[in-house]
């Protein structure tokens, strides 16, 4: 009987780790289905990962970055016909995601004022990603003059994408954090029943 309780507790703890990982992978692969421009879960994944895996910097950074890497490779195959990671501005997009994860780690150091922290991270994460990725568009494409006015034009042209990304982050944060809360509620009941 004692052995069964220990085994069941191990399964519950494994569920608390595996389920957030599964949610991230599932959300990441939704990037491959048709959607409005920039209406993707990538910022929500970065923030959710920063919240869930904050005990391990390796997991916090690697899981969202790997999720983006894998889906980028598939997107390049779908859109350009080649299995490739390279596209103009790729380095800026990964730097932006890295920055969002770092921001999420700073915001989610503990669970106090979680709702306020989630709201702050959604807005801050999107603004950070927008600023870095659109700077990348300005630097890597010849769409805009190499001047302060050109940089401003790049940011103005990116505003509709910012709004879509912000909306997507709100929706996907609700899905990821909400699903996780339900899973944890169930797992906590299981732990209480086992003990």
N, C-alpha and C. Protein backbone atom coordinates (compact mmCIF):
# COMPACT_ATOMS: atom_id res chain seq x y z
N UNK A 1 0.83 -1.19 0.00
CA UNK A 1 0.00 0.00 0.00
C UNK A 1 0.87 1.26 0.00
N UNK A 2 1.89 1.30 0.88
CA UNK A 2 2.78 2.45 0.94
C UNK A 2 3.49 2.65 -0.39
N UNK A 3 3.91 1.53 -1.00
CA UNK A 3 4.61 1.60 -2.28
C UNK A 3 3.71 2.20 -3.36
N UNK A 4 2.42 1.83 -3.35
CA UNK A 4 1.46 2.39 -4.31
C UNK A 4 1.29 3.89 -4.12
N UNK A 5 1.25 4.34 -2.86
CA UNK A 5 1.10 5.76 -2.58
C UNK A 5 2.30 6.54 -3.11
N UNK A 6 3.49 6.02 -2.89
CA UNK A 6 4.70 6.68 -3.37
C UNK A 6 4.69 6.74 -4.90
N UNK A 7 4.31 5.65 -5.54
CA UNK A 7 4.26 5.60 -7.00
C UNK A 7 3.22 6.58 -7.54
N UNK A 8 2.07 6.64 -6.90
CA UNK A 8 1.03 7.57 -7.33
C UNK A 8 1.47 9.02 -7.16
N UNK A 9 2.17 9.32 -6.07
CA UNK A 9 2.69 10.67 -5.87
C UNK A 9 3.70 11.04 -6.94
N UNK A 10 4.55 10.09 -7.32
CA UNK A 10 5.51 10.33 -8.40
C UNK A 10 4.79 10.64 -9.70
N UNK A 11 3.70 9.92 -9.97
CA UNK A 11 2.93 10.15 -11.19
C UNK A 11 2.29 11.53 -11.21
N UNK A 12 1.79 11.96 -10.05
CA UNK A 12 1.18 13.29 -9.95
C UNK A 12 2.24 14.36 -10.20
N UNK A 13 3.43 14.20 -9.60
CA UNK A 13 4.50 15.18 -9.79
C UNK A 13 4.96 15.20 -11.25
N UNK A 14 5.00 14.03 -11.88
CA UNK A 14 5.38 13.95 -13.29
C UNK A 14 4.34 14.68 -14.14
N UNK A 15 3.07 14.52 -13.79
CA UNK A 15 1.99 15.20 -14.51
C UNK A 15 2.16 16.70 -14.43
N UNK A 16 2.56 17.20 -13.26
CA UNK A 16 2.75 18.64 -13.07
C UNK A 16 3.88 19.20 -13.93
N UNK A 17 4.80 18.35 -14.37
CA UNK A 17 5.89 18.78 -15.26
C UNK A 17 5.53 18.53 -16.72
N UNK A 18 5.00 17.36 -17.00
CA UNK A 18 4.75 16.96 -18.39
C UNK A 18 3.61 17.76 -19.01
N UNK A 19 2.58 18.04 -18.26
CA UNK A 19 1.43 18.74 -18.82
C UNK A 19 1.77 20.16 -19.31
N UNK A 20 2.50 20.97 -18.53
CA UNK A 20 2.87 22.28 -19.09
C UNK A 20 3.71 22.16 -20.36
N UNK A 21 4.59 21.17 -20.39
CA UNK A 21 5.40 20.94 -21.58
C UNK A 21 4.52 20.57 -22.77
N UNK A 22 3.55 19.70 -22.54
CA UNK A 22 2.63 19.30 -23.60
C UNK A 22 1.79 20.49 -24.07
N UNK A 23 1.34 21.33 -23.14
CA UNK A 23 0.58 22.52 -23.52
C UNK A 23 1.41 23.45 -24.40
N UNK A 24 2.67 23.63 -24.06
CA UNK A 24 3.56 24.49 -24.86
C UNK A 24 3.73 23.92 -26.26
N UNK A 25 3.97 22.63 -26.37
CA UNK A 25 4.17 22.03 -27.69
C UNK A 25 2.90 22.11 -28.53
N UNK A 26 1.75 21.85 -27.91
CA UNK A 26 0.48 21.94 -28.62
C UNK A 26 0.25 23.37 -29.12
N UNK A 27 0.47 24.34 -28.25
CA UNK A 27 0.30 25.74 -28.65
C UNK A 27 1.27 26.11 -29.77
N UNK A 28 2.51 25.66 -29.65
CA UNK A 28 3.52 25.99 -30.67
C UNK A 28 3.09 25.48 -32.05
N UNK A 29 2.55 24.30 -32.11
CA UNK A 29 2.18 23.75 -33.41
C UNK A 29 0.95 24.41 -34.01
N UNK A 30 0.23 25.23 -33.23
CA UNK A 30 -0.87 25.99 -33.83
C UNK A 30 -0.34 27.09 -34.74
N UNK A 31 0.95 27.39 -34.65
CA UNK A 31 1.55 28.36 -35.59
C UNK A 31 1.48 27.83 -37.02
N UNK A 32 1.32 26.52 -37.18
CA UNK A 32 1.35 25.91 -38.51
C UNK A 32 -0.01 25.91 -39.20
N UNK A 33 -1.07 26.27 -38.47
CA UNK A 33 -2.38 26.32 -39.10
C UNK A 33 -2.65 27.77 -39.52
N UNK A 34 -3.47 27.97 -40.53
CA UNK A 34 -3.73 29.35 -40.99
C UNK A 34 -4.25 30.24 -39.86
N UNK A 35 -3.74 31.47 -39.81
CA UNK A 35 -4.15 32.42 -38.77
C UNK A 35 -3.86 33.84 -39.27
N UNK A 36 -4.53 34.83 -38.67
CA UNK A 36 -4.21 36.22 -39.05
C UNK A 36 -2.75 36.53 -38.72
N UNK A 37 -2.16 37.48 -39.43
CA UNK A 37 -0.75 37.83 -39.24
C UNK A 37 -0.40 38.10 -37.78
N UNK A 38 0.57 37.39 -37.29
CA UNK A 38 1.09 37.51 -35.92
C UNK A 38 0.12 37.07 -34.83
N UNK A 39 -0.98 36.46 -35.18
CA UNK A 39 -1.88 35.93 -34.15
C UNK A 39 -1.38 34.54 -33.77
N UNK A 40 -0.27 34.53 -33.02
CA UNK A 40 0.39 33.28 -32.65
C UNK A 40 0.59 33.21 -31.14
N UNK A 41 0.81 32.02 -30.61
CA UNK A 41 0.98 31.86 -29.17
C UNK A 41 2.41 32.06 -28.67
N UNK A 42 3.32 32.52 -29.50
CA UNK A 42 4.74 32.46 -29.14
C UNK A 42 5.09 33.30 -27.91
N UNK A 43 4.51 34.50 -27.75
CA UNK A 43 4.79 35.31 -26.56
C UNK A 43 4.17 34.65 -25.34
N UNK A 44 2.95 34.14 -25.47
CA UNK A 44 2.30 33.44 -24.35
C UNK A 44 3.11 32.22 -23.93
N UNK A 45 3.66 31.50 -24.89
CA UNK A 45 4.50 30.33 -24.59
C UNK A 45 5.72 30.76 -23.80
N UNK A 46 6.36 31.83 -24.23
CA UNK A 46 7.57 32.32 -23.54
C UNK A 46 7.24 32.71 -22.09
N UNK A 47 6.13 33.41 -21.90
CA UNK A 47 5.76 33.85 -20.56
C UNK A 47 5.30 32.68 -19.68
N UNK A 48 4.55 31.77 -20.27
CA UNK A 48 4.10 30.58 -19.55
C UNK A 48 5.31 29.74 -19.14
N UNK A 49 6.25 29.57 -20.06
CA UNK A 49 7.46 28.81 -19.74
C UNK A 49 8.25 29.48 -18.62
N UNK A 50 8.34 30.81 -18.66
CA UNK A 50 9.06 31.54 -17.61
C UNK A 50 8.37 31.36 -16.26
N UNK A 51 7.06 31.27 -16.28
CA UNK A 51 6.30 31.08 -15.04
C UNK A 51 6.42 29.64 -14.52
N UNK A 52 6.29 28.68 -15.40
CA UNK A 52 6.24 27.27 -14.98
C UNK A 52 7.59 26.66 -14.67
N UNK A 53 8.61 27.04 -15.39
CA UNK A 53 9.92 26.39 -15.24
C UNK A 53 10.94 27.31 -14.60
N UNK A 54 10.48 28.25 -13.78
CA UNK A 54 11.38 29.27 -13.22
C UNK A 54 12.47 28.68 -12.33
N UNK A 55 12.31 27.45 -11.90
CA UNK A 55 13.35 26.80 -11.09
C UNK A 55 14.55 26.35 -11.93
N UNK A 56 14.39 26.33 -13.24
CA UNK A 56 15.47 25.87 -14.13
C UNK A 56 15.62 26.84 -15.30
N UNK A 57 16.70 27.60 -15.29
CA UNK A 57 16.93 28.55 -16.39
C UNK A 57 17.06 27.81 -17.72
N UNK A 58 17.65 26.63 -17.68
CA UNK A 58 17.81 25.85 -18.91
C UNK A 58 16.44 25.54 -19.53
N UNK A 59 15.51 25.03 -18.72
CA UNK A 59 14.17 24.72 -19.24
C UNK A 59 13.42 25.99 -19.62
N UNK A 60 13.54 27.02 -18.79
CA UNK A 60 12.83 28.28 -19.03
C UNK A 60 13.17 28.84 -20.40
N UNK A 61 14.45 28.82 -20.76
CA UNK A 61 14.86 29.37 -22.05
C UNK A 61 14.73 28.35 -23.19
N UNK A 62 15.10 27.11 -22.94
CA UNK A 62 15.17 26.15 -24.05
C UNK A 62 13.81 25.72 -24.57
N UNK A 63 12.84 25.52 -23.72
CA UNK A 63 11.55 24.99 -24.19
C UNK A 63 10.87 25.96 -25.16
N UNK A 64 10.67 27.24 -24.81
CA UNK A 64 10.05 28.14 -25.80
C UNK A 64 10.91 28.36 -27.05
N UNK A 65 12.23 28.46 -26.88
CA UNK A 65 13.10 28.68 -28.03
C UNK A 65 13.09 27.47 -28.96
N UNK A 66 13.11 26.28 -28.40
CA UNK A 66 13.05 25.06 -29.23
C UNK A 66 11.68 24.96 -29.92
N UNK A 67 10.62 25.31 -29.20
CA UNK A 67 9.28 25.28 -29.81
C UNK A 67 9.22 26.21 -31.01
N UNK A 68 9.80 27.41 -30.88
CA UNK A 68 9.81 28.35 -31.99
C UNK A 68 10.71 27.85 -33.12
N UNK A 69 11.85 27.29 -32.76
CA UNK A 69 12.79 26.77 -33.75
C UNK A 69 12.14 25.68 -34.61
N UNK A 70 11.51 24.72 -33.96
CA UNK A 70 10.88 23.61 -34.70
C UNK A 70 9.77 24.13 -35.61
N UNK A 71 8.91 24.99 -35.07
CA UNK A 71 7.81 25.49 -35.90
C UNK A 71 8.32 26.42 -37.00
N UNK A 72 9.40 27.16 -36.75
CA UNK A 72 9.98 27.99 -37.82
C UNK A 72 10.47 27.13 -38.98
N UNK A 73 11.09 26.01 -38.66
CA UNK A 73 11.59 25.11 -39.71
C UNK A 73 10.42 24.59 -40.55
N UNK A 74 9.32 24.19 -39.88
CA UNK A 74 8.14 23.72 -40.61
C UNK A 74 7.50 24.85 -41.42
N UNK A 75 7.42 26.05 -40.83
CA UNK A 75 6.85 27.19 -41.55
C UNK A 75 7.66 27.53 -42.80
N UNK A 76 8.97 27.45 -42.69
CA UNK A 76 9.82 27.71 -43.87
C UNK A 76 9.57 26.68 -44.95
N UNK A 77 9.36 25.44 -44.56
CA UNK A 77 9.06 24.39 -45.55
C UNK A 77 7.71 24.68 -46.21
N UNK A 78 6.73 25.06 -45.42
CA UNK A 78 5.39 25.33 -45.95
C UNK A 78 5.41 26.57 -46.84
N UNK A 79 6.05 27.64 -46.39
CA UNK A 79 5.97 28.92 -47.09
C UNK A 79 7.02 29.09 -48.19
N UNK A 80 8.21 28.51 -48.00
CA UNK A 80 9.29 28.72 -48.97
C UNK A 80 9.75 27.44 -49.64
N UNK A 81 9.18 26.32 -49.23
CA UNK A 81 9.50 25.06 -49.86
C UNK A 81 10.84 24.45 -49.47
N UNK A 82 11.45 24.97 -48.41
CA UNK A 82 12.76 24.46 -48.01
C UNK A 82 12.79 24.23 -46.50
N UNK A 83 13.45 23.14 -46.10
CA UNK A 83 13.67 22.88 -44.68
C UNK A 83 14.83 23.77 -44.24
N UNK A 84 14.50 24.90 -43.66
CA UNK A 84 15.52 25.88 -43.33
C UNK A 84 15.09 26.69 -42.12
N UNK A 85 16.07 27.22 -41.43
CA UNK A 85 15.77 28.12 -40.32
C UNK A 85 15.99 29.56 -40.71
N UNK A 86 16.72 29.78 -41.76
CA UNK A 86 17.10 31.15 -42.08
C UNK A 86 16.00 31.88 -42.85
N UNK A 87 15.79 33.09 -42.46
CA UNK A 87 14.93 34.03 -43.15
C UNK A 87 15.38 35.41 -42.69
N UNK A 88 15.11 36.44 -43.45
CA UNK A 88 15.57 37.77 -43.05
C UNK A 88 15.02 38.15 -41.67
N UNK A 89 15.88 38.57 -40.80
CA UNK A 89 15.47 38.99 -39.47
C UNK A 89 15.37 37.90 -38.44
N UNK A 90 15.75 36.67 -38.79
CA UNK A 90 15.61 35.55 -37.86
C UNK A 90 16.33 35.82 -36.53
N UNK A 91 17.52 36.37 -36.59
CA UNK A 91 18.29 36.62 -35.36
C UNK A 91 17.56 37.60 -34.45
N UNK A 92 16.93 38.61 -35.04
CA UNK A 92 16.19 39.60 -34.23
C UNK A 92 14.97 38.96 -33.56
N UNK A 93 14.29 38.06 -34.28
CA UNK A 93 13.13 37.40 -33.69
C UNK A 93 13.53 36.52 -32.50
N UNK A 94 14.64 35.82 -32.62
CA UNK A 94 15.09 34.98 -31.51
C UNK A 94 15.63 35.82 -30.36
N UNK A 95 16.29 36.94 -30.68
CA UNK A 95 16.72 37.86 -29.61
C UNK A 95 15.50 38.42 -28.88
N UNK A 96 14.46 38.74 -29.64
CA UNK A 96 13.23 39.27 -29.04
C UNK A 96 12.59 38.24 -28.13
N UNK A 97 12.52 36.98 -28.59
CA UNK A 97 11.92 35.94 -27.76
C UNK A 97 12.77 35.70 -26.51
N UNK A 98 14.07 35.70 -26.67
CA UNK A 98 14.99 35.57 -25.53
C UNK A 98 14.71 36.69 -24.52
N UNK A 99 14.54 37.90 -25.02
CA UNK A 99 14.25 39.04 -24.14
C UNK A 99 12.92 38.89 -23.43
N UNK A 100 11.90 38.39 -24.12
CA UNK A 100 10.59 38.17 -23.50
C UNK A 100 10.70 37.12 -22.39
N UNK A 101 11.45 36.06 -22.63
CA UNK A 101 11.64 35.03 -21.61
C UNK A 101 12.34 35.63 -20.39
N UNK A 102 13.39 36.41 -20.62
CA UNK A 102 14.12 37.04 -19.51
C UNK A 102 13.20 37.98 -18.73
N UNK A 103 12.39 38.73 -19.45
CA UNK A 103 11.42 39.61 -18.80
C UNK A 103 10.44 38.79 -17.96
N UNK A 104 9.94 37.71 -18.53
CA UNK A 104 9.03 36.83 -17.79
C UNK A 104 9.67 36.25 -16.54
N UNK A 105 10.94 35.89 -16.63
CA UNK A 105 11.65 35.36 -15.45
C UNK A 105 11.73 36.41 -14.35
N UNK A 106 11.99 37.65 -14.73
CA UNK A 106 12.06 38.72 -13.72
C UNK A 106 10.69 38.97 -13.10
N UNK A 107 9.66 38.95 -13.92
CA UNK A 107 8.31 39.23 -13.42
C UNK A 107 7.77 38.08 -12.57
N UNK A 108 8.02 36.84 -12.99
CA UNK A 108 7.45 35.68 -12.30
C UNK A 108 8.41 35.06 -11.29
N UNK A 109 9.19 35.87 -10.58
CA UNK A 109 10.12 35.31 -9.58
C UNK A 109 9.38 34.54 -8.49
N UNK A 110 8.17 34.98 -8.15
CA UNK A 110 7.35 34.28 -7.16
C UNK A 110 5.90 34.36 -7.60
N UNK A 111 5.02 33.75 -6.84
CA UNK A 111 3.60 33.68 -7.22
C UNK A 111 2.77 34.84 -6.68
N UNK A 112 3.36 35.78 -5.99
CA UNK A 112 2.58 36.87 -5.41
C UNK A 112 2.06 37.78 -6.52
N UNK A 113 0.82 38.25 -6.36
CA UNK A 113 0.17 39.16 -7.30
C UNK A 113 0.25 38.61 -8.73
N UNK A 114 -0.12 37.34 -8.87
CA UNK A 114 0.05 36.61 -10.12
C UNK A 114 -0.73 37.25 -11.28
N UNK A 115 -1.96 37.67 -11.04
CA UNK A 115 -2.76 38.25 -12.12
C UNK A 115 -2.14 39.54 -12.61
N UNK A 116 -1.69 40.39 -11.70
CA UNK A 116 -1.05 41.64 -12.11
C UNK A 116 0.24 41.35 -12.87
N UNK A 117 0.99 40.37 -12.40
CA UNK A 117 2.24 40.01 -13.07
C UNK A 117 1.97 39.47 -14.48
N UNK A 118 0.92 38.68 -14.61
CA UNK A 118 0.58 38.13 -15.92
C UNK A 118 0.20 39.26 -16.87
N UNK A 119 -0.62 40.18 -16.40
CA UNK A 119 -1.02 41.32 -17.25
C UNK A 119 0.20 42.16 -17.64
N UNK A 120 1.06 42.44 -16.68
CA UNK A 120 2.27 43.23 -16.95
C UNK A 120 3.16 42.51 -17.95
N UNK A 121 3.31 41.20 -17.78
CA UNK A 121 4.19 40.46 -18.68
C UNK A 121 3.62 40.38 -20.09
N UNK A 122 2.30 40.31 -20.22
CA UNK A 122 1.68 40.27 -21.54
C UNK A 122 1.96 41.57 -22.30
N UNK A 123 1.71 42.69 -21.64
CA UNK A 123 1.93 43.99 -22.30
C UNK A 123 3.43 44.22 -22.54
N UNK A 124 4.23 44.03 -21.49
CA UNK A 124 5.67 44.25 -21.61
C UNK A 124 6.33 43.32 -22.60
N UNK A 125 5.94 42.06 -22.58
CA UNK A 125 6.52 41.07 -23.50
C UNK A 125 6.21 41.41 -24.95
N UNK A 126 4.98 41.82 -25.21
CA UNK A 126 4.61 42.18 -26.58
C UNK A 126 5.32 43.44 -27.05
N UNK A 127 5.42 44.43 -26.19
CA UNK A 127 6.13 45.65 -26.57
C UNK A 127 7.61 45.37 -26.85
N UNK A 128 8.23 44.57 -25.99
CA UNK A 128 9.63 44.22 -26.19
C UNK A 128 9.83 43.47 -27.50
N UNK A 129 8.99 42.47 -27.76
CA UNK A 129 9.10 41.70 -28.99
C UNK A 129 8.88 42.62 -30.21
N UNK A 130 7.89 43.49 -30.12
CA UNK A 130 7.60 44.42 -31.20
C UNK A 130 8.79 45.33 -31.50
N UNK A 131 9.37 45.91 -30.46
CA UNK A 131 10.49 46.83 -30.66
C UNK A 131 11.69 46.14 -31.28
N UNK A 132 12.03 44.96 -30.79
CA UNK A 132 13.21 44.26 -31.30
C UNK A 132 12.96 43.69 -32.70
N UNK A 133 11.83 43.03 -32.90
CA UNK A 133 11.59 42.39 -34.20
C UNK A 133 11.38 43.42 -35.31
N UNK A 134 10.72 44.52 -35.01
CA UNK A 134 10.55 45.55 -36.04
C UNK A 134 11.83 46.31 -36.31
N UNK A 135 12.68 46.43 -35.31
CA UNK A 135 14.02 46.97 -35.57
C UNK A 135 14.74 46.03 -36.53
N UNK A 136 14.53 44.72 -36.34
CA UNK A 136 15.12 43.74 -37.25
C UNK A 136 14.61 43.90 -38.67
N UNK A 137 13.32 44.18 -38.83
CA UNK A 137 12.77 44.42 -40.16
C UNK A 137 13.44 45.65 -40.77
N UNK A 138 13.57 46.69 -39.99
CA UNK A 138 14.22 47.92 -40.46
C UNK A 138 15.67 47.64 -40.90
N UNK A 139 16.39 46.82 -40.12
CA UNK A 139 17.80 46.57 -40.40
C UNK A 139 18.03 45.58 -41.55
N UNK A 140 17.13 44.62 -41.75
CA UNK A 140 17.40 43.55 -42.71
C UNK A 140 16.69 43.70 -44.05
N UNK A 141 15.66 44.51 -44.11
CA UNK A 141 14.95 44.73 -45.37
C UNK A 141 15.24 46.14 -45.87
N UNK A 142 15.16 46.31 -47.15
CA UNK A 142 15.39 47.65 -47.70
C UNK A 142 14.06 48.36 -47.97
N UNK A 143 13.09 48.09 -47.14
CA UNK A 143 11.77 48.69 -47.31
C UNK A 143 11.72 50.14 -46.84
N UNK A 144 12.61 50.49 -45.93
CA UNK A 144 12.56 51.80 -45.30
C UNK A 144 13.91 52.51 -45.44
N UNK A 145 13.88 53.83 -45.55
CA UNK A 145 15.15 54.57 -45.63
C UNK A 145 15.97 54.38 -44.35
N UNK A 146 17.27 54.38 -44.47
CA UNK A 146 18.16 54.21 -43.32
C UNK A 146 18.27 55.55 -42.58
N UNK A 147 17.19 55.87 -41.88
CA UNK A 147 17.12 57.14 -41.15
C UNK A 147 16.16 56.98 -39.99
N UNK A 148 16.16 57.93 -39.07
CA UNK A 148 15.18 57.86 -37.97
C UNK A 148 13.73 57.82 -38.50
N UNK A 149 13.47 58.53 -39.59
CA UNK A 149 12.12 58.51 -40.17
C UNK A 149 11.80 57.12 -40.73
N UNK A 150 12.80 56.45 -41.29
CA UNK A 150 12.61 55.10 -41.80
C UNK A 150 12.32 54.13 -40.68
N UNK A 151 13.04 54.26 -39.56
CA UNK A 151 12.79 53.41 -38.39
C UNK A 151 11.38 53.65 -37.86
N UNK A 152 10.98 54.90 -37.76
CA UNK A 152 9.63 55.21 -37.31
C UNK A 152 8.60 54.61 -38.25
N UNK A 153 8.85 54.70 -39.56
CA UNK A 153 7.92 54.11 -40.54
C UNK A 153 7.82 52.60 -40.36
N UNK A 154 8.93 51.95 -40.04
CA UNK A 154 8.91 50.50 -39.80
C UNK A 154 8.05 50.17 -38.59
N UNK A 155 8.18 50.97 -37.55
CA UNK A 155 7.36 50.73 -36.34
C UNK A 155 5.87 51.01 -36.61
N UNK A 156 5.58 52.06 -37.33
CA UNK A 156 4.18 52.38 -37.65
C UNK A 156 3.57 51.26 -38.50
N UNK A 157 4.32 50.77 -39.49
CA UNK A 157 3.82 49.68 -40.34
C UNK A 157 3.60 48.40 -39.55
N UNK A 158 4.32 48.24 -38.46
CA UNK A 158 4.19 47.03 -37.64
C UNK A 158 3.06 47.07 -36.63
N UNK A 159 2.42 48.23 -36.44
CA UNK A 159 1.38 48.35 -35.40
C UNK A 159 0.23 47.35 -35.54
N UNK A 160 -0.30 47.09 -36.76
CA UNK A 160 -1.37 46.07 -36.85
C UNK A 160 -0.90 44.69 -36.38
N UNK A 161 0.36 44.38 -36.62
CA UNK A 161 0.90 43.09 -36.17
C UNK A 161 1.04 43.07 -34.65
N UNK A 162 1.39 44.20 -34.06
CA UNK A 162 1.46 44.30 -32.60
C UNK A 162 0.10 44.05 -31.99
N UNK A 163 -0.94 44.63 -32.56
CA UNK A 163 -2.28 44.45 -32.02
C UNK A 163 -2.72 42.98 -32.12
N UNK A 164 -2.42 42.34 -33.25
CA UNK A 164 -2.75 40.92 -33.39
C UNK A 164 -1.97 40.07 -32.38
N UNK A 165 -0.68 40.38 -32.23
CA UNK A 165 0.15 39.62 -31.29
C UNK A 165 -0.33 39.81 -29.86
N UNK A 166 -0.71 41.02 -29.51
CA UNK A 166 -1.23 41.30 -28.17
C UNK A 166 -2.52 40.52 -27.92
N UNK A 167 -3.43 40.55 -28.90
CA UNK A 167 -4.68 39.80 -28.77
C UNK A 167 -4.40 38.30 -28.64
N UNK A 168 -3.48 37.80 -29.46
CA UNK A 168 -3.13 36.38 -29.40
C UNK A 168 -2.52 36.02 -28.05
N UNK A 169 -1.68 36.90 -27.53
CA UNK A 169 -1.03 36.62 -26.24
C UNK A 169 -2.06 36.59 -25.13
N UNK A 170 -3.04 37.47 -25.18
CA UNK A 170 -4.11 37.46 -24.18
C UNK A 170 -4.88 36.14 -24.26
N UNK A 171 -5.29 35.77 -25.46
CA UNK A 171 -6.05 34.52 -25.65
C UNK A 171 -5.23 33.31 -25.23
N UNK A 172 -4.01 33.20 -25.76
CA UNK A 172 -3.18 32.03 -25.49
C UNK A 172 -2.70 31.98 -24.03
N UNK A 173 -2.49 33.13 -23.41
CA UNK A 173 -2.14 33.12 -21.99
C UNK A 173 -3.31 32.57 -21.18
N UNK A 174 -4.53 32.97 -21.56
CA UNK A 174 -5.71 32.42 -20.90
C UNK A 174 -5.79 30.91 -21.06
N UNK A 175 -5.53 30.43 -22.27
CA UNK A 175 -5.57 28.98 -22.53
C UNK A 175 -4.48 28.25 -21.73
N UNK A 176 -3.24 28.74 -21.82
CA UNK A 176 -2.12 28.05 -21.17
C UNK A 176 -2.21 28.14 -19.64
N UNK A 177 -2.35 29.35 -19.11
CA UNK A 177 -2.40 29.49 -17.66
C UNK A 177 -3.68 28.89 -17.09
N UNK A 178 -4.81 29.04 -17.82
CA UNK A 178 -6.07 28.45 -17.35
C UNK A 178 -6.04 26.93 -17.34
N UNK A 179 -5.53 26.33 -18.42
CA UNK A 179 -5.41 24.87 -18.47
C UNK A 179 -4.50 24.35 -17.38
N UNK A 180 -3.40 25.07 -17.18
CA UNK A 180 -2.47 24.67 -16.13
C UNK A 180 -3.11 24.74 -14.75
N UNK A 181 -3.92 25.77 -14.51
CA UNK A 181 -4.60 25.90 -13.21
C UNK A 181 -5.55 24.73 -13.00
N UNK A 182 -6.27 24.33 -14.04
CA UNK A 182 -7.17 23.18 -13.92
C UNK A 182 -6.40 21.89 -13.67
N UNK A 183 -5.31 21.72 -14.38
CA UNK A 183 -4.48 20.52 -14.19
C UNK A 183 -3.93 20.48 -12.77
N UNK A 184 -3.45 21.62 -12.28
CA UNK A 184 -2.91 21.66 -10.92
C UNK A 184 -3.99 21.42 -9.87
N UNK A 185 -5.19 21.90 -10.12
CA UNK A 185 -6.30 21.66 -9.20
C UNK A 185 -6.59 20.16 -9.12
N UNK A 186 -6.63 19.51 -10.27
CA UNK A 186 -6.85 18.07 -10.31
C UNK A 186 -5.69 17.32 -9.63
N UNK A 187 -4.47 17.73 -9.94
CA UNK A 187 -3.29 17.06 -9.35
C UNK A 187 -3.25 17.25 -7.84
N UNK A 188 -3.65 18.41 -7.37
CA UNK A 188 -3.67 18.67 -5.91
C UNK A 188 -4.70 17.77 -5.23
N UNK A 189 -5.83 17.58 -5.88
CA UNK A 189 -6.84 16.65 -5.33
C UNK A 189 -6.29 15.24 -5.26
N UNK A 190 -5.58 14.85 -6.32
CA UNK A 190 -4.98 13.51 -6.34
C UNK A 190 -3.95 13.36 -5.22
N UNK A 191 -3.12 14.40 -5.03
CA UNK A 191 -2.12 14.36 -3.96
C UNK A 191 -2.78 14.24 -2.60
N UNK A 192 -3.87 15.00 -2.40
CA UNK A 192 -4.58 14.96 -1.12
C UNK A 192 -5.21 13.58 -0.89
N UNK A 193 -5.74 12.98 -1.97
CA UNK A 193 -6.36 11.67 -1.86
C UNK A 193 -5.32 10.58 -1.55
N UNK A 194 -4.12 10.76 -2.11
CA UNK A 194 -3.06 9.78 -1.91
C UNK A 194 -2.53 9.86 -0.48
N UNK A 195 -2.37 11.09 0.01
CA UNK A 195 -1.80 11.30 1.35
C UNK A 195 -2.81 10.89 2.37
